[in-house]
N, C-alpha and C. Protein backbone atom coordinates (compact mmCIF):
# COMPACT_ATOMS: atom_id res chain seq x y z
N MET A 1 139.77 82.05 -45.33
CA MET A 1 139.33 80.66 -45.28
C MET A 1 138.09 80.47 -46.17
N SER A 2 138.06 79.38 -46.90
CA SER A 2 136.94 79.11 -47.79
C SER A 2 135.66 78.89 -47.00
N SER A 3 134.55 79.43 -47.56
CA SER A 3 133.25 79.22 -46.94
C SER A 3 132.52 78.03 -47.55
N LEU A 4 133.14 77.36 -48.50
CA LEU A 4 132.52 76.21 -49.14
C LEU A 4 132.46 75.03 -48.16
N PRO A 5 131.43 74.17 -48.28
CA PRO A 5 131.41 72.98 -47.45
C PRO A 5 132.61 72.09 -47.75
N ARG A 6 133.17 71.53 -46.70
CA ARG A 6 134.36 70.70 -46.83
C ARG A 6 133.97 69.22 -46.83
N VAL A 7 134.50 68.50 -47.80
CA VAL A 7 134.19 67.08 -47.96
C VAL A 7 135.49 66.29 -47.94
N LEU A 8 135.55 65.29 -47.08
CA LEU A 8 136.68 64.37 -47.04
C LEU A 8 136.23 63.04 -47.62
N LEU A 9 136.91 62.60 -48.67
CA LEU A 9 136.66 61.29 -49.26
C LEU A 9 137.79 60.35 -48.88
N ALA A 10 137.43 59.10 -48.56
CA ALA A 10 138.44 58.10 -48.22
C ALA A 10 138.20 56.84 -49.05
N GLY A 11 139.25 56.34 -49.65
CA GLY A 11 139.22 55.06 -50.34
C GLY A 11 140.29 54.16 -49.76
N PHE A 12 140.36 52.93 -50.25
CA PHE A 12 141.29 51.96 -49.69
C PHE A 12 142.33 51.50 -50.70
N GLU A 13 143.46 51.05 -50.16
CA GLU A 13 144.46 50.38 -50.96
C GLU A 13 143.94 48.99 -51.36
N PRO A 14 144.55 48.34 -52.37
CA PRO A 14 144.12 46.99 -52.75
C PRO A 14 144.30 46.00 -51.60
N PHE A 15 143.48 44.95 -51.62
CA PHE A 15 143.58 43.90 -50.60
C PHE A 15 143.10 42.59 -51.20
N GLY A 16 143.32 41.53 -50.47
CA GLY A 16 142.81 40.22 -50.88
C GLY A 16 143.39 39.71 -52.18
N GLY A 17 144.61 40.13 -52.51
CA GLY A 17 145.26 39.65 -53.72
C GLY A 17 144.94 40.43 -54.96
N GLU A 18 144.10 41.48 -54.87
CA GLU A 18 143.76 42.30 -56.03
C GLU A 18 144.89 43.29 -56.32
N ASP A 19 145.03 43.65 -57.59
CA ASP A 19 146.04 44.63 -57.99
C ASP A 19 145.57 46.07 -57.83
N VAL A 20 144.27 46.27 -57.84
CA VAL A 20 143.70 47.61 -57.71
C VAL A 20 142.55 47.56 -56.72
N ASN A 21 142.17 48.73 -56.24
CA ASN A 21 140.96 48.86 -55.45
C ASN A 21 140.12 49.95 -56.08
N PRO A 22 138.97 49.60 -56.67
CA PRO A 22 138.17 50.61 -57.37
C PRO A 22 137.67 51.72 -56.46
N SER A 23 137.63 51.47 -55.16
CA SER A 23 137.21 52.55 -54.25
C SER A 23 138.18 53.72 -54.34
N TRP A 24 139.47 53.43 -54.33
CA TRP A 24 140.45 54.51 -54.42
C TRP A 24 140.51 55.10 -55.83
N GLN A 25 140.33 54.25 -56.84
CA GLN A 25 140.30 54.76 -58.21
C GLN A 25 139.16 55.77 -58.38
N ALA A 26 137.98 55.43 -57.87
CA ALA A 26 136.83 56.32 -58.00
C ALA A 26 137.01 57.58 -57.17
N VAL A 27 137.50 57.43 -55.95
CA VAL A 27 137.75 58.59 -55.09
C VAL A 27 138.75 59.53 -55.76
N SER A 28 139.77 58.98 -56.40
CA SER A 28 140.77 59.82 -57.07
C SER A 28 140.16 60.63 -58.20
N LEU A 29 139.22 60.03 -58.95
CA LEU A 29 138.55 60.76 -60.02
C LEU A 29 137.71 61.91 -59.46
N VAL A 30 137.02 61.65 -58.35
CA VAL A 30 136.22 62.71 -57.73
C VAL A 30 137.12 63.81 -57.18
N ARG A 31 138.24 63.42 -56.60
CA ARG A 31 139.22 64.41 -56.11
C ARG A 31 139.68 65.31 -57.25
N ASP A 32 139.93 64.74 -58.42
CA ASP A 32 140.44 65.51 -59.54
C ASP A 32 139.35 66.38 -60.19
N THR A 33 138.10 65.91 -60.14
CA THR A 33 136.97 66.69 -60.68
C THR A 33 135.82 66.64 -59.69
N PRO A 34 135.89 67.46 -58.64
CA PRO A 34 134.86 67.42 -57.59
C PRO A 34 133.57 68.09 -58.03
N PRO A 35 132.49 67.84 -57.30
CA PRO A 35 131.25 68.58 -57.57
C PRO A 35 131.49 70.07 -57.37
N GLU A 36 130.73 70.88 -58.09
CA GLU A 36 130.86 72.32 -57.93
C GLU A 36 130.42 72.74 -56.52
N GLY A 37 131.09 73.74 -56.01
CA GLY A 37 130.66 74.32 -54.75
C GLY A 37 131.12 73.60 -53.51
N VAL A 38 132.15 72.74 -53.62
CA VAL A 38 132.68 72.08 -52.43
C VAL A 38 134.20 72.17 -52.43
N GLU A 39 134.76 72.15 -51.25
CA GLU A 39 136.20 72.00 -51.07
C GLU A 39 136.43 70.55 -50.68
N LEU A 40 137.20 69.83 -51.47
CA LEU A 40 137.29 68.38 -51.30
C LEU A 40 138.74 67.94 -51.12
N ARG A 41 138.91 66.99 -50.23
CA ARG A 41 140.21 66.38 -50.00
C ARG A 41 140.02 64.86 -49.97
N ALA A 42 141.03 64.11 -50.40
CA ALA A 42 140.94 62.65 -50.43
C ALA A 42 142.10 62.03 -49.66
N VAL A 43 141.83 60.88 -49.05
CA VAL A 43 142.85 60.15 -48.32
C VAL A 43 142.73 58.67 -48.66
N ARG A 44 143.85 58.02 -48.89
CA ARG A 44 143.87 56.57 -49.14
C ARG A 44 144.19 55.87 -47.83
N LEU A 45 143.30 54.97 -47.42
CA LEU A 45 143.45 54.26 -46.16
C LEU A 45 144.10 52.90 -46.36
N SER A 46 144.86 52.49 -45.37
CA SER A 46 145.42 51.15 -45.35
C SER A 46 144.32 50.14 -45.09
N CYS A 47 144.40 48.98 -45.69
CA CYS A 47 143.45 47.91 -45.38
C CYS A 47 144.00 47.12 -44.20
N VAL A 48 144.06 47.81 -43.07
CA VAL A 48 144.65 47.24 -41.85
C VAL A 48 143.79 47.70 -40.67
N PHE A 49 143.34 46.74 -39.87
CA PHE A 49 142.57 47.07 -38.67
C PHE A 49 143.37 48.01 -37.78
N GLY A 50 142.71 48.98 -37.19
CA GLY A 50 143.37 49.93 -36.31
C GLY A 50 144.05 51.05 -37.07
N ARG A 51 144.99 50.70 -37.93
CA ARG A 51 145.73 51.71 -38.69
C ARG A 51 144.80 52.55 -39.55
N ALA A 52 143.83 51.91 -40.19
CA ALA A 52 142.91 52.65 -41.06
C ALA A 52 142.14 53.70 -40.29
N ASN A 53 141.68 53.36 -39.10
CA ASN A 53 140.95 54.35 -38.29
C ASN A 53 141.86 55.47 -37.82
N ASP A 54 143.12 55.15 -37.51
CA ASP A 54 144.07 56.20 -37.13
C ASP A 54 144.30 57.16 -38.29
N GLU A 55 144.41 56.61 -39.50
CA GLU A 55 144.62 57.45 -40.68
C GLU A 55 143.41 58.34 -40.96
N LEU A 56 142.22 57.78 -40.79
CA LEU A 56 141.01 58.57 -41.02
C LEU A 56 140.89 59.67 -39.97
N ARG A 57 141.14 59.34 -38.73
CA ARG A 57 141.05 60.34 -37.66
C ARG A 57 142.04 61.48 -37.91
N ALA A 58 143.25 61.16 -38.34
CA ALA A 58 144.24 62.20 -38.63
C ALA A 58 143.80 63.09 -39.78
N ALA A 59 143.19 62.47 -40.81
CA ALA A 59 142.71 63.25 -41.95
C ALA A 59 141.57 64.18 -41.54
N VAL A 60 140.68 63.70 -40.69
CA VAL A 60 139.58 64.54 -40.20
C VAL A 60 140.13 65.70 -39.37
N ALA A 61 141.09 65.42 -38.50
CA ALA A 61 141.65 66.47 -37.66
C ALA A 61 142.37 67.52 -38.48
N GLY A 62 143.00 67.11 -39.57
CA GLY A 62 143.77 68.04 -40.38
C GLY A 62 142.95 68.86 -41.35
N PHE A 63 141.71 68.44 -41.59
CA PHE A 63 140.88 69.11 -42.60
C PHE A 63 139.61 69.72 -42.02
N VAL A 64 139.10 69.15 -40.93
CA VAL A 64 137.86 69.59 -40.28
C VAL A 64 136.71 69.63 -41.28
N PRO A 65 136.33 68.48 -41.83
CA PRO A 65 135.29 68.46 -42.86
C PRO A 65 133.88 68.58 -42.30
N ASP A 66 132.95 68.95 -43.18
CA ASP A 66 131.53 68.92 -42.86
C ASP A 66 130.92 67.56 -43.17
N LEU A 67 131.52 66.86 -44.14
CA LEU A 67 131.04 65.57 -44.58
C LEU A 67 132.23 64.65 -44.81
N VAL A 68 132.13 63.44 -44.30
CA VAL A 68 133.14 62.41 -44.55
C VAL A 68 132.45 61.24 -45.23
N LEU A 69 132.95 60.87 -46.40
CA LEU A 69 132.38 59.74 -47.12
C LEU A 69 133.50 58.74 -47.38
N CYS A 70 133.37 57.57 -46.74
CA CYS A 70 134.34 56.50 -46.93
C CYS A 70 133.81 55.53 -47.98
N VAL A 71 134.70 55.02 -48.80
CA VAL A 71 134.31 54.18 -49.93
C VAL A 71 135.17 52.92 -49.92
N GLY A 72 134.53 51.77 -50.09
CA GLY A 72 135.25 50.52 -50.11
C GLY A 72 134.76 49.60 -51.21
N GLN A 73 135.53 48.56 -51.49
CA GLN A 73 135.19 47.57 -52.50
C GLN A 73 134.37 46.45 -51.88
N ALA A 74 133.27 46.11 -52.53
CA ALA A 74 132.46 44.95 -52.15
C ALA A 74 132.31 44.07 -53.38
N GLY A 75 133.31 43.27 -53.65
CA GLY A 75 133.29 42.42 -54.83
C GLY A 75 132.10 41.47 -54.82
N GLY A 76 131.39 41.43 -55.92
CA GLY A 76 130.20 40.59 -56.02
C GLY A 76 128.91 41.38 -55.98
N ARG A 77 128.93 42.56 -55.38
CA ARG A 77 127.74 43.41 -55.41
C ARG A 77 127.62 44.06 -56.79
N PRO A 78 126.39 44.24 -57.29
CA PRO A 78 126.22 44.77 -58.64
C PRO A 78 126.06 46.27 -58.73
N ASP A 79 125.96 46.96 -57.58
CA ASP A 79 125.61 48.38 -57.61
C ASP A 79 126.34 49.13 -56.52
N LEU A 80 126.15 50.46 -56.51
CA LEU A 80 126.66 51.26 -55.40
C LEU A 80 125.72 51.06 -54.21
N THR A 81 126.25 50.69 -53.09
CA THR A 81 125.42 50.43 -51.92
C THR A 81 125.80 51.39 -50.80
N VAL A 82 124.82 52.13 -50.35
CA VAL A 82 125.03 53.08 -49.26
C VAL A 82 124.69 52.35 -47.96
N GLU A 83 125.65 52.30 -47.06
CA GLU A 83 125.50 51.50 -45.85
C GLU A 83 124.67 52.23 -44.79
N ARG A 84 123.77 51.47 -44.17
CA ARG A 84 122.89 52.04 -43.15
C ARG A 84 123.43 51.83 -41.73
N VAL A 85 124.05 50.67 -41.46
CA VAL A 85 124.37 50.28 -40.08
C VAL A 85 125.84 49.87 -39.96
N ALA A 86 126.53 50.42 -38.98
CA ALA A 86 127.89 50.00 -38.62
C ALA A 86 127.82 49.22 -37.31
N VAL A 87 128.44 48.05 -37.26
CA VAL A 87 128.38 47.22 -36.07
C VAL A 87 129.73 47.15 -35.37
N ASN A 88 129.68 47.00 -34.06
CA ASN A 88 130.88 47.05 -33.23
C ASN A 88 131.54 45.67 -33.13
N VAL A 89 131.97 45.15 -34.27
CA VAL A 89 132.65 43.86 -34.24
C VAL A 89 133.61 43.76 -35.43
N ASP A 90 134.81 43.27 -35.13
CA ASP A 90 135.78 42.86 -36.15
C ASP A 90 135.79 41.34 -36.17
N ASP A 91 135.49 40.76 -37.33
CA ASP A 91 135.44 39.30 -37.46
C ASP A 91 135.92 38.99 -38.88
N ALA A 92 137.23 38.81 -39.02
CA ALA A 92 137.86 38.79 -40.34
C ALA A 92 137.90 37.39 -40.94
N ARG A 93 137.28 37.25 -42.10
CA ARG A 93 137.32 35.97 -42.83
C ARG A 93 138.69 35.75 -43.44
N ILE A 94 139.37 36.85 -43.83
CA ILE A 94 140.71 36.79 -44.38
C ILE A 94 141.60 37.76 -43.61
N PRO A 95 142.92 37.58 -43.63
CA PRO A 95 143.79 38.55 -42.96
C PRO A 95 143.78 39.90 -43.66
N ASP A 96 144.02 40.96 -42.89
CA ASP A 96 144.19 42.27 -43.51
C ASP A 96 145.58 42.36 -44.12
N ASN A 97 145.95 43.51 -44.61
CA ASN A 97 147.23 43.63 -45.31
C ASN A 97 148.44 43.59 -44.40
N ALA A 98 148.23 43.57 -43.10
CA ALA A 98 149.33 43.40 -42.15
C ALA A 98 149.32 42.02 -41.52
N GLY A 99 148.43 41.15 -41.99
CA GLY A 99 148.36 39.79 -41.46
C GLY A 99 147.48 39.64 -40.24
N ASN A 100 146.78 40.71 -39.84
CA ASN A 100 145.88 40.63 -38.69
C ASN A 100 144.57 39.95 -39.09
N GLN A 101 144.06 39.11 -38.22
CA GLN A 101 142.78 38.45 -38.48
C GLN A 101 141.97 38.34 -37.19
N PRO A 102 141.47 39.49 -36.68
CA PRO A 102 140.70 39.46 -35.44
C PRO A 102 139.40 38.69 -35.61
N VAL A 103 139.01 38.01 -34.55
CA VAL A 103 137.76 37.26 -34.53
C VAL A 103 136.96 37.68 -33.31
N ASP A 104 135.74 38.15 -33.54
CA ASP A 104 134.82 38.53 -32.47
C ASP A 104 135.43 39.56 -31.52
N GLU A 105 136.13 40.55 -32.09
CA GLU A 105 136.72 41.62 -31.30
C GLU A 105 135.94 42.91 -31.54
N PRO A 106 135.75 43.75 -30.50
CA PRO A 106 135.05 45.02 -30.72
C PRO A 106 135.91 46.01 -31.50
N VAL A 107 135.27 46.83 -32.29
CA VAL A 107 135.98 47.94 -32.93
C VAL A 107 136.38 48.94 -31.85
N VAL A 108 135.44 49.28 -30.99
CA VAL A 108 135.66 50.19 -29.86
C VAL A 108 135.20 49.48 -28.60
N PRO A 109 136.11 49.03 -27.74
CA PRO A 109 135.69 48.37 -26.51
C PRO A 109 134.75 49.25 -25.69
N GLY A 110 133.61 48.69 -25.31
CA GLY A 110 132.64 49.44 -24.53
C GLY A 110 131.73 50.33 -25.35
N GLY A 111 131.92 50.37 -26.66
CA GLY A 111 131.07 51.20 -27.52
C GLY A 111 129.72 50.56 -27.74
N PRO A 112 128.76 51.31 -28.26
CA PRO A 112 127.44 50.76 -28.56
C PRO A 112 127.55 49.59 -29.55
N ALA A 113 126.55 48.73 -29.55
CA ALA A 113 126.56 47.57 -30.45
C ALA A 113 126.57 48.01 -31.91
N ALA A 114 125.93 49.13 -32.21
CA ALA A 114 125.83 49.58 -33.60
C ALA A 114 125.50 51.06 -33.65
N TYR A 115 125.75 51.65 -34.82
CA TYR A 115 125.33 53.02 -35.12
C TYR A 115 124.62 53.02 -36.46
N PHE A 116 123.58 53.85 -36.57
CA PHE A 116 123.05 54.19 -37.89
C PHE A 116 123.95 55.26 -38.49
N ALA A 117 124.12 55.21 -39.80
CA ALA A 117 124.97 56.19 -40.48
C ALA A 117 124.44 57.60 -40.27
N PRO A 118 125.28 58.55 -39.89
CA PRO A 118 124.87 59.95 -39.81
C PRO A 118 124.84 60.56 -41.21
N LEU A 119 123.95 60.03 -42.03
CA LEU A 119 123.87 60.36 -43.44
C LEU A 119 122.44 60.12 -43.91
N PRO A 120 121.90 60.94 -44.82
CA PRO A 120 120.57 60.68 -45.38
C PRO A 120 120.68 59.54 -46.41
N VAL A 121 120.71 58.33 -45.92
CA VAL A 121 121.06 57.16 -46.73
C VAL A 121 120.13 57.00 -47.94
N LYS A 122 118.81 57.08 -47.70
CA LYS A 122 117.86 56.83 -48.79
C LYS A 122 117.89 57.95 -49.83
N ALA A 123 118.10 59.17 -49.40
CA ALA A 123 118.22 60.27 -50.35
C ALA A 123 119.47 60.11 -51.21
N CYS A 124 120.52 59.60 -50.62
CA CYS A 124 121.76 59.37 -51.37
C CYS A 124 121.54 58.29 -52.43
N VAL A 125 120.85 57.23 -52.07
CA VAL A 125 120.54 56.17 -53.04
C VAL A 125 119.69 56.72 -54.18
N ALA A 126 118.68 57.51 -53.84
CA ALA A 126 117.82 58.10 -54.86
C ALA A 126 118.60 59.00 -55.81
N ALA A 127 119.58 59.72 -55.27
CA ALA A 127 120.37 60.62 -56.11
C ALA A 127 121.21 59.85 -57.11
N VAL A 128 121.77 58.71 -56.69
CA VAL A 128 122.55 57.89 -57.61
C VAL A 128 121.66 57.36 -58.73
N ARG A 129 120.47 56.89 -58.35
CA ARG A 129 119.54 56.38 -59.36
C ARG A 129 119.12 57.48 -60.33
N GLU A 130 118.92 58.68 -59.83
CA GLU A 130 118.54 59.80 -60.70
C GLU A 130 119.67 60.14 -61.67
N ALA A 131 120.90 59.80 -61.30
CA ALA A 131 122.04 60.00 -62.19
C ALA A 131 122.17 58.87 -63.21
N GLY A 132 121.24 57.92 -63.17
CA GLY A 132 121.22 56.83 -64.14
C GLY A 132 122.08 55.65 -63.79
N LEU A 133 122.39 55.50 -62.50
CA LEU A 133 123.27 54.42 -62.07
C LEU A 133 122.57 53.54 -61.03
N PRO A 134 122.95 52.26 -60.94
CA PRO A 134 122.30 51.37 -59.98
C PRO A 134 122.79 51.62 -58.56
N ALA A 135 121.84 51.62 -57.62
CA ALA A 135 122.20 51.86 -56.22
C ALA A 135 121.15 51.25 -55.33
N SER A 136 121.53 50.96 -54.09
CA SER A 136 120.59 50.43 -53.11
C SER A 136 121.11 50.71 -51.72
N VAL A 137 120.20 50.60 -50.74
CA VAL A 137 120.58 50.65 -49.33
C VAL A 137 121.10 49.28 -48.93
N SER A 138 122.21 49.26 -48.23
CA SER A 138 122.76 48.02 -47.69
C SER A 138 122.58 48.02 -46.17
N GLN A 139 122.17 46.88 -45.65
CA GLN A 139 121.95 46.76 -44.21
C GLN A 139 123.18 46.22 -43.47
N THR A 140 124.24 45.88 -44.20
CA THR A 140 125.46 45.41 -43.54
C THR A 140 126.68 45.78 -44.35
N ALA A 141 127.67 46.29 -43.66
CA ALA A 141 128.96 46.62 -44.27
C ALA A 141 129.97 45.51 -44.04
N GLY A 142 129.48 44.33 -43.62
CA GLY A 142 130.39 43.22 -43.33
C GLY A 142 131.03 43.37 -41.97
N THR A 143 132.11 42.62 -41.75
CA THR A 143 132.83 42.68 -40.47
C THR A 143 134.34 42.77 -40.69
N PHE A 144 134.72 43.26 -41.89
CA PHE A 144 136.13 43.41 -42.22
C PHE A 144 136.53 44.87 -42.00
N VAL A 145 137.56 45.33 -42.66
CA VAL A 145 138.10 46.67 -42.40
C VAL A 145 137.13 47.77 -42.81
N CYS A 146 136.29 47.53 -43.83
CA CYS A 146 135.32 48.55 -44.22
C CYS A 146 134.37 48.88 -43.06
N ASN A 147 133.78 47.86 -42.47
CA ASN A 147 132.90 48.10 -41.32
C ASN A 147 133.68 48.70 -40.15
N HIS A 148 134.91 48.26 -39.97
CA HIS A 148 135.77 48.79 -38.91
C HIS A 148 135.90 50.32 -39.04
N VAL A 149 136.15 50.78 -40.25
CA VAL A 149 136.29 52.22 -40.51
C VAL A 149 134.93 52.92 -40.39
N PHE A 150 133.89 52.30 -40.90
CA PHE A 150 132.55 52.87 -40.82
C PHE A 150 132.14 53.06 -39.36
N TYR A 151 132.37 52.05 -38.54
CA TYR A 151 132.03 52.18 -37.12
C TYR A 151 132.90 53.25 -36.46
N GLY A 152 134.19 53.26 -36.79
CA GLY A 152 135.08 54.27 -36.22
C GLY A 152 134.64 55.68 -36.55
N LEU A 153 134.20 55.89 -37.79
CA LEU A 153 133.71 57.20 -38.21
C LEU A 153 132.43 57.56 -37.46
N ALA A 154 131.49 56.62 -37.39
CA ALA A 154 130.22 56.89 -36.69
C ALA A 154 130.46 57.17 -35.21
N HIS A 155 131.39 56.44 -34.60
CA HIS A 155 131.70 56.67 -33.18
C HIS A 155 132.33 58.04 -32.98
N LEU A 156 133.19 58.44 -33.91
CA LEU A 156 133.81 59.76 -33.83
C LEU A 156 132.74 60.85 -33.92
N ALA A 157 131.79 60.68 -34.84
CA ALA A 157 130.72 61.67 -34.98
C ALA A 157 129.84 61.70 -33.74
N ALA A 158 129.59 60.54 -33.15
CA ALA A 158 128.68 60.47 -32.00
C ALA A 158 129.31 60.98 -30.71
N THR A 159 130.62 60.85 -30.58
CA THR A 159 131.25 61.14 -29.30
C THR A 159 132.12 62.39 -29.28
N GLU A 160 132.62 62.81 -30.46
CA GLU A 160 133.59 63.92 -30.47
C GLU A 160 133.24 65.07 -31.40
N ILE A 161 132.52 64.79 -32.48
CA ILE A 161 132.24 65.84 -33.47
C ILE A 161 130.75 65.85 -33.77
N PRO A 162 129.93 66.35 -32.84
CA PRO A 162 128.48 66.41 -33.08
C PRO A 162 128.16 67.20 -34.34
N GLY A 163 127.23 66.68 -35.12
CA GLY A 163 126.84 67.38 -36.34
C GLY A 163 127.60 66.96 -37.57
N LEU A 164 128.68 66.17 -37.39
CA LEU A 164 129.43 65.70 -38.54
C LEU A 164 128.60 64.69 -39.32
N ARG A 165 128.44 64.93 -40.59
CA ARG A 165 127.75 63.96 -41.45
C ARG A 165 128.80 63.02 -42.06
N GLY A 166 128.44 61.77 -42.12
CA GLY A 166 129.39 60.84 -42.70
C GLY A 166 128.75 59.49 -42.93
N GLY A 167 129.41 58.69 -43.74
CA GLY A 167 128.88 57.38 -44.02
C GLY A 167 129.82 56.58 -44.87
N PHE A 168 129.32 55.45 -45.33
CA PHE A 168 130.15 54.50 -46.07
C PHE A 168 129.39 54.03 -47.30
N VAL A 169 130.11 53.95 -48.41
CA VAL A 169 129.57 53.47 -49.68
C VAL A 169 130.45 52.34 -50.19
N HIS A 170 129.81 51.23 -50.54
CA HIS A 170 130.54 50.15 -51.19
C HIS A 170 130.34 50.22 -52.70
N VAL A 171 131.41 49.95 -53.43
CA VAL A 171 131.34 49.92 -54.90
C VAL A 171 131.65 48.51 -55.38
N PRO A 172 131.17 48.14 -56.58
CA PRO A 172 131.46 46.81 -57.12
C PRO A 172 132.91 46.70 -57.60
N TYR A 173 133.24 45.54 -58.13
CA TYR A 173 134.50 45.39 -58.82
C TYR A 173 134.54 46.31 -60.04
N ALA A 174 135.75 46.71 -60.44
CA ALA A 174 135.96 47.35 -61.73
C ALA A 174 136.04 46.27 -62.81
N PRO A 175 135.72 46.60 -64.06
CA PRO A 175 135.73 45.59 -65.12
C PRO A 175 137.05 44.83 -65.23
N GLU A 176 138.17 45.51 -65.02
CA GLU A 176 139.47 44.85 -65.16
C GLU A 176 139.68 43.75 -64.12
N GLN A 177 138.89 43.77 -63.05
CA GLN A 177 139.06 42.76 -62.00
C GLN A 177 138.29 41.48 -62.29
N VAL A 178 137.39 41.50 -63.26
CA VAL A 178 136.51 40.34 -63.46
C VAL A 178 136.59 39.78 -64.86
N THR A 179 137.69 40.03 -65.56
CA THR A 179 137.81 39.54 -66.93
C THR A 179 137.77 38.01 -67.00
N ALA A 180 138.17 37.35 -65.93
CA ALA A 180 138.15 35.88 -65.92
C ALA A 180 137.17 35.33 -64.89
N ARG A 181 136.27 36.22 -64.41
CA ARG A 181 135.30 35.80 -63.39
C ARG A 181 133.91 36.30 -63.78
N ALA A 182 132.93 35.46 -63.62
CA ALA A 182 131.55 35.85 -63.95
C ALA A 182 130.93 36.59 -62.77
N LEU A 183 131.41 37.82 -62.53
CA LEU A 183 130.95 38.63 -61.41
C LEU A 183 130.58 40.02 -61.90
N PRO A 184 129.66 40.69 -61.21
CA PRO A 184 129.25 42.03 -61.63
C PRO A 184 130.40 43.03 -61.53
N SER A 185 130.34 44.05 -62.37
CA SER A 185 131.33 45.13 -62.31
C SER A 185 130.68 46.42 -62.78
N LEU A 186 131.37 47.52 -62.54
CA LEU A 186 130.89 48.84 -62.95
C LEU A 186 132.10 49.68 -63.33
N PRO A 187 132.05 50.41 -64.43
CA PRO A 187 133.19 51.26 -64.79
C PRO A 187 133.50 52.27 -63.69
N VAL A 188 134.78 52.49 -63.45
CA VAL A 188 135.18 53.39 -62.38
C VAL A 188 134.65 54.82 -62.60
N PRO A 189 134.64 55.37 -63.83
CA PRO A 189 134.05 56.71 -63.99
C PRO A 189 132.58 56.77 -63.58
N SER A 190 131.84 55.67 -63.77
CA SER A 190 130.45 55.64 -63.32
C SER A 190 130.37 55.65 -61.80
N MET A 191 131.28 54.91 -61.16
CA MET A 191 131.33 54.96 -59.70
C MET A 191 131.57 56.39 -59.22
N ALA A 192 132.49 57.08 -59.88
CA ALA A 192 132.80 58.46 -59.49
C ALA A 192 131.58 59.36 -59.66
N ASP A 193 130.84 59.17 -60.75
CA ASP A 193 129.62 59.95 -60.95
C ASP A 193 128.63 59.69 -59.81
N GLY A 194 128.51 58.44 -59.40
CA GLY A 194 127.63 58.11 -58.29
C GLY A 194 128.06 58.76 -56.99
N LEU A 195 129.36 58.78 -56.75
CA LEU A 195 129.86 59.41 -55.52
C LEU A 195 129.59 60.92 -55.53
N ARG A 196 129.73 61.54 -56.68
CA ARG A 196 129.41 62.97 -56.76
C ARG A 196 127.94 63.22 -56.43
N ALA A 197 127.07 62.35 -56.93
CA ALA A 197 125.64 62.51 -56.63
C ALA A 197 125.38 62.33 -55.14
N ILE A 198 126.07 61.38 -54.52
CA ILE A 198 125.90 61.15 -53.09
C ILE A 198 126.37 62.36 -52.29
N ILE A 199 127.50 62.91 -52.67
CA ILE A 199 128.03 64.09 -51.96
C ILE A 199 127.01 65.23 -52.00
N THR A 200 126.48 65.50 -53.18
CA THR A 200 125.52 66.60 -53.32
C THR A 200 124.27 66.33 -52.48
N ALA A 201 123.76 65.10 -52.54
CA ALA A 201 122.57 64.77 -51.75
C ALA A 201 122.83 64.89 -50.26
N ALA A 202 123.99 64.42 -49.82
CA ALA A 202 124.30 64.45 -48.39
C ALA A 202 124.42 65.88 -47.88
N LEU A 203 124.93 66.77 -48.71
CA LEU A 203 125.12 68.16 -48.27
C LEU A 203 123.84 68.98 -48.34
N THR A 204 122.86 68.55 -49.12
CA THR A 204 121.68 69.37 -49.35
C THR A 204 120.39 68.79 -48.76
N THR A 205 120.45 67.60 -48.18
CA THR A 205 119.26 66.95 -47.64
C THR A 205 119.27 67.03 -46.13
N GLU A 206 118.28 67.70 -45.57
CA GLU A 206 118.18 67.80 -44.11
C GLU A 206 117.43 66.62 -43.52
N THR A 207 116.35 66.20 -44.17
CA THR A 207 115.53 65.10 -43.69
C THR A 207 115.51 64.00 -44.75
N ASP A 208 115.86 62.79 -44.34
CA ASP A 208 115.96 61.70 -45.30
C ASP A 208 114.59 61.34 -45.86
N LEU A 209 114.61 60.72 -47.04
CA LEU A 209 113.37 60.24 -47.65
C LEU A 209 112.76 59.12 -46.82
N ARG A 210 111.45 59.06 -46.80
CA ARG A 210 110.76 57.95 -46.12
C ARG A 210 110.17 57.05 -47.18
N VAL A 211 111.01 56.19 -47.71
CA VAL A 211 110.62 55.25 -48.75
C VAL A 211 111.14 53.87 -48.36
N ALA A 212 110.49 52.84 -48.89
CA ALA A 212 110.88 51.47 -48.54
C ALA A 212 112.18 51.10 -49.24
N GLU A 213 113.18 50.78 -48.44
CA GLU A 213 114.46 50.28 -48.96
C GLU A 213 114.96 49.13 -48.08
N GLY A 214 114.03 48.44 -47.47
CA GLY A 214 114.41 47.37 -46.55
C GLY A 214 114.73 46.08 -47.28
N ALA A 215 115.05 45.06 -46.51
CA ALA A 215 115.41 43.74 -47.06
C ALA A 215 114.63 42.68 -46.30
N THR A 216 114.29 41.60 -47.00
CA THR A 216 113.57 40.49 -46.34
C THR A 216 114.53 39.45 -45.77
N HIS A 217 115.79 39.52 -46.18
CA HIS A 217 116.78 38.57 -45.65
C HIS A 217 118.18 39.12 -45.87
């Protein structure tokens, strides 16, 4: 059995009428060329409430990773954003890919209102910036399937797999998605470079940085 740290990366299928999802595109590049010194596996999640968490749980059970990093698309954001807080609510502005549109429903009935990411969030942001790419801490992962998966992962770490490190990263649109829209984008290979930096930081940082990354609104 390999003694290398095991990393599970998860990206999503396209949703919301898009032809591609840059989260899966970037995850696929990292899968094909992972950081040195890690054993890495990737899984593509459905953009469907419930099903996505079942798929992630199955992937975790089948691989037993040390680190789980889920990646999703946040169209309109200009940088890689490492999520700090997962909230226990599904409140869908649009239907998921199966037509589900939950409103004010818990991700886990009876679960805590929120979890902080079991990840050195600020160190991960710093690592992306050191790689020459834009990054920031995000205080909300929304209330769609991305947050649903983020909360499911954090709940799994808190209740069943103590010591599991994991978190969620949002990436911007890819350039091909905004050719007719005045919205920020980032090349997918740059996203992949940022994810590699995050993986390395998450595996090597015991205590997170104490630097200001808060928001005023």
